[in-house]
């Protein structure tokens, strides 16, 4: 049974781009973009769908700090890098525009659950992660696929395994989500299905 890889670099990367070792096989030209306003700032959400990819070490470059990172093999970040990944990837980029230097959030919290999935999927339990916003930016790297240690169930592969995810985004210690995002993950692509603003989030022109 396929164990989907759904990782986040919210805690480490400000503006992530794939390193040379990641081969992009089928990248979409469309980058969905949104702008929202909350107390103290506006922020942009841009989704970069890379489609099908393959990678030996799943490494990325932070464009702001020039640091290099790799996708951790487990959630505790102590098992080395993911090796031999095959699947799909998207990167959600958050860019903040503060009303004044001390306004706006200092960190993002995300809560992710699987709300539906293919019967070949062994879904992850709910995930909650935090990130400090660096240089007014943060990146969320989402990946869905398999590795040699965790191979794909080859039955009925004419239809890609899939999962529907709900991702609630919070700023600092807020109790209510700023955004609710729904994603569809498959081996070909990771798509942002819809974006629901929170009660205190205003939608601006992108």
Protein backbone atom coordinates (compact mmCIF):
# COMPACT_ATOMS: atom_id res chain seq x y z
CA UNK A 1 0.00 0.00 0.00
CA UNK A 2 1.30 3.44 -0.92
CA UNK A 3 2.37 5.69 1.95
CA UNK A 4 2.12 9.24 0.59
CA UNK A 5 4.93 11.66 1.38
CA UNK A 6 3.46 14.95 2.55
CA UNK A 7 6.27 17.07 3.96
CA UNK A 8 6.54 20.75 4.77
CA UNK A 9 9.58 23.02 4.76
CA UNK A 10 7.67 25.79 6.48
CA UNK A 11 10.21 25.77 9.28
CA UNK A 12 13.37 26.04 7.21
CA UNK A 13 12.94 27.79 3.88
CA UNK A 14 11.92 31.33 3.03
CA UNK A 15 11.73 31.09 -0.77
CA UNK A 16 12.37 27.57 -1.98
CA UNK A 17 13.30 26.42 -5.48
CA UNK A 18 14.31 22.88 -6.54
CA UNK A 19 18.02 22.18 -6.67
CA UNK A 20 19.68 20.82 -9.82
CA UNK A 21 19.24 17.23 -8.65
CA UNK A 22 15.44 17.40 -8.95
CA UNK A 23 14.26 16.50 -12.45
CA UNK A 24 10.99 18.21 -13.37
CA UNK A 25 9.21 16.04 -15.92
CA UNK A 26 5.93 17.88 -16.39
CA UNK A 27 5.68 21.42 -15.02
CA UNK A 28 2.53 23.49 -15.35
CA UNK A 29 2.92 27.08 -16.54
CA UNK A 30 0.08 28.27 -14.33
CA UNK A 31 1.01 29.64 -10.91
CA UNK A 32 -2.20 30.40 -8.97
CA UNK A 33 -1.77 33.62 -6.97
CA UNK A 34 -3.87 35.24 -4.26
CA UNK A 35 -3.57 38.30 -2.02
CA UNK A 36 -5.20 38.62 1.39
CA UNK A 37 -5.28 41.18 4.19
CA UNK A 38 -5.31 40.58 7.94
CA UNK A 39 -4.70 42.92 10.86
CA UNK A 40 -1.29 44.56 10.41
CA UNK A 41 -0.36 43.26 6.96
CA UNK A 42 -1.24 41.94 3.56
CA UNK A 43 0.19 38.68 2.26
CA UNK A 44 0.49 36.87 -1.07
CA UNK A 45 0.00 33.15 -1.59
CA UNK A 46 1.50 31.82 -4.82
CA UNK A 47 1.39 28.14 -5.73
CA UNK A 48 4.07 26.75 -8.03
CA UNK A 49 2.97 23.32 -9.35
CA UNK A 50 5.95 21.32 -10.62
CA UNK A 51 3.96 18.26 -11.67
CA UNK A 52 5.87 14.98 -11.98
CA UNK A 53 9.39 14.95 -10.58
CA UNK A 54 12.19 12.56 -9.70
CA UNK A 55 15.07 13.18 -7.32
CA UNK A 56 17.98 11.33 -5.76
CA UNK A 57 18.23 13.51 -2.66
CA UNK A 58 15.21 15.88 -2.82
CA UNK A 59 17.29 19.03 -2.25
CA UNK A 60 16.21 22.68 -2.42
CA UNK A 61 17.81 26.12 -2.41
CA UNK A 62 16.46 28.99 -0.32
CA UNK A 63 16.61 31.92 -2.75
CA UNK A 64 16.74 34.48 0.05
CA UNK A 65 19.45 32.93 2.23
CA UNK A 66 21.12 30.69 -0.42
CA UNK A 67 20.99 27.79 2.01
CA UNK A 68 20.59 24.24 0.71
CA UNK A 69 18.20 21.80 2.36
CA UNK A 70 16.85 18.37 1.58
CA UNK A 71 13.51 16.73 2.23
CA UNK A 72 13.88 14.81 5.53
CA UNK A 73 13.20 11.09 5.43
CA UNK A 74 11.03 11.30 8.55
CA UNK A 75 9.13 13.89 10.55
CA UNK A 76 11.84 14.15 13.22
CA UNK A 77 14.48 15.23 10.66
CA UNK A 78 16.98 12.68 12.01
CA UNK A 79 16.82 10.05 9.30
CA UNK A 80 18.75 11.73 6.50
CA UNK A 81 17.30 12.82 3.17
CA UNK A 82 14.58 11.19 1.11
CA UNK A 83 16.31 9.11 -1.59
CA UNK A 84 14.97 8.03 -4.96
CA UNK A 85 11.69 9.92 -4.74
CA UNK A 86 9.24 9.63 -7.65
CA UNK A 87 5.96 11.52 -7.67
CA UNK A 88 4.58 15.06 -7.77
CA UNK A 89 5.45 18.33 -6.02
CA UNK A 90 4.04 21.82 -5.49
CA UNK A 91 5.46 24.74 -3.52
CA UNK A 92 3.23 27.30 -1.80
CA UNK A 93 5.05 30.60 -1.30
CA UNK A 94 3.92 33.13 1.33
CA UNK A 95 5.15 36.72 1.01
CA UNK A 96 4.18 39.30 3.66
CA UNK A 97 3.75 43.07 3.21
CA UNK A 98 3.66 44.63 6.66
CA UNK A 99 1.92 47.91 7.48
CA UNK A 100 4.94 48.79 9.65
CA UNK A 101 8.01 46.77 10.70
CA UNK A 102 6.59 45.29 13.89
CA UNK A 103 3.13 44.48 12.52
CA UNK A 104 1.94 41.19 11.10
CA UNK A 105 2.64 37.61 12.16
CA UNK A 106 5.93 36.14 13.35
CA UNK A 107 5.15 32.52 12.60
CA UNK A 108 2.76 30.24 10.72
CA UNK A 109 1.06 27.16 12.11
CA UNK A 110 -0.49 24.58 9.81
CA UNK A 111 -2.84 21.71 10.62
CA UNK A 112 -3.27 19.11 7.86
CA UNK A 113 -5.70 16.20 7.67
CA UNK A 114 -6.59 13.69 4.95
CA UNK A 115 -10.30 14.03 4.19
CA UNK A 116 -10.57 11.39 1.44
CA UNK A 117 -8.20 9.02 -0.36
CA UNK A 118 -7.73 6.20 -2.83
CA UNK A 119 -8.06 2.73 -1.30
CA UNK A 120 -4.38 2.07 -2.14
CA UNK A 121 -3.34 4.90 0.18
CA UNK A 122 -2.28 4.47 3.79
CA UNK A 123 -3.00 8.06 4.92
CA UNK A 124 -0.88 9.97 7.40
CA UNK A 125 -2.39 10.95 10.76
CA UNK A 126 -3.13 14.66 11.24
CA UNK A 127 0.01 16.83 11.05
CA UNK A 128 0.65 20.10 12.89
CA UNK A 129 3.77 22.18 12.24
CA UNK A 130 5.13 25.64 13.04
CA UNK A 131 7.45 28.03 11.22
CA UNK A 132 9.16 31.30 11.95
CA UNK A 133 8.63 33.73 9.06
CA UNK A 134 12.05 34.76 7.74
CA UNK A 135 12.59 37.93 5.72
CA UNK A 136 8.81 38.28 5.36
CA UNK A 137 8.53 34.95 3.54
CA UNK A 138 7.89 31.24 4.06
CA UNK A 139 7.56 28.20 1.80
CA UNK A 140 5.45 25.07 2.09
CA UNK A 141 6.75 22.18 -0.04
CA UNK A 142 4.21 19.44 -0.66
CA UNK A 143 5.20 16.10 -2.17
CA UNK A 144 3.21 12.97 -2.97
CA UNK A 145 4.89 9.82 -4.22
CA UNK A 146 7.04 6.85 -3.36
CA UNK A 147 10.62 5.71 -2.83
CA UNK A 148 12.40 2.36 -3.37
CA UNK A 149 11.92 1.58 0.33
CA UNK A 150 8.22 2.38 0.02
CA UNK A 151 7.22 1.17 -3.46
CA UNK A 152 3.98 1.81 -5.29
CA UNK A 153 1.29 -0.86 -5.34
CA UNK A 154 1.36 -1.82 -9.02
CA UNK A 155 -2.26 -2.94 -9.16
CA UNK A 156 -4.58 -0.68 -11.18
CA UNK A 157 -1.82 1.81 -11.92
CA UNK A 158 -3.70 3.11 -14.97
CA UNK A 159 -5.38 5.42 -12.43
CA UNK A 160 -3.01 7.32 -10.16
CA UNK A 161 -3.46 6.96 -6.41
CA UNK A 162 -4.81 10.19 -4.94
CA UNK A 163 -5.65 11.93 -1.68
CA UNK A 164 -7.65 15.01 -0.73
CA UNK A 165 -6.07 17.13 2.00
CA UNK A 166 -7.39 19.96 4.17
CA UNK A 167 -4.76 22.43 5.39
CA UNK A 168 -5.70 25.04 8.00
CA UNK A 169 -3.29 28.00 8.18
CA UNK A 170 -2.95 30.02 11.42
CA UNK A 171 -0.80 33.05 12.27
CA UNK A 172 0.94 33.19 15.65
CA UNK A 173 -1.40 32.03 18.43
CA UNK A 174 -4.70 32.70 16.70
CA UNK A 175 -7.43 30.19 17.46
CA UNK A 176 -9.28 30.56 14.14
CA UNK A 177 -7.63 29.77 10.79
CA UNK A 178 -6.54 32.59 8.50
CA UNK A 179 -7.00 30.32 5.46
CA UNK A 180 -8.46 26.88 4.79
CA UNK A 181 -6.84 25.23 1.76
CA UNK A 182 -7.96 22.04 0.03
CA UNK A 183 -5.42 20.12 -2.05
CA UNK A 184 -5.68 17.12 -4.36
CA UNK A 185 -2.51 15.00 -4.43
CA UNK A 186 -1.72 12.44 -7.13
CA UNK A 187 1.42 11.02 -8.72
CA UNK A 188 1.06 13.42 -11.67
CA UNK A 189 0.30 16.69 -9.92
CA UNK A 190 -0.60 18.44 -6.67
CA UNK A 191 -3.42 20.91 -7.20
CA UNK A 192 -4.84 23.61 -4.94
CA UNK A 193 -8.57 22.88 -5.26
CA UNK A 194 -9.96 25.83 -3.32
CA UNK A 195 -9.08 28.58 -0.87
CA UNK A 196 -11.46 29.61 1.92
CA UNK A 197 -10.56 32.84 3.77
CA UNK A 198 -11.03 32.95 7.53
CA UNK A 199 -13.65 35.18 9.13
CA UNK A 200 -11.11 37.99 9.69
CA UNK A 201 -9.28 37.60 6.36
CA UNK A 202 -10.08 39.94 3.49
CA UNK A 203 -9.60 38.91 -0.12
CA UNK A 204 -7.59 41.45 -2.15
CA UNK A 205 -6.71 41.61 -5.84
CA UNK A 206 -3.87 39.21 -6.68
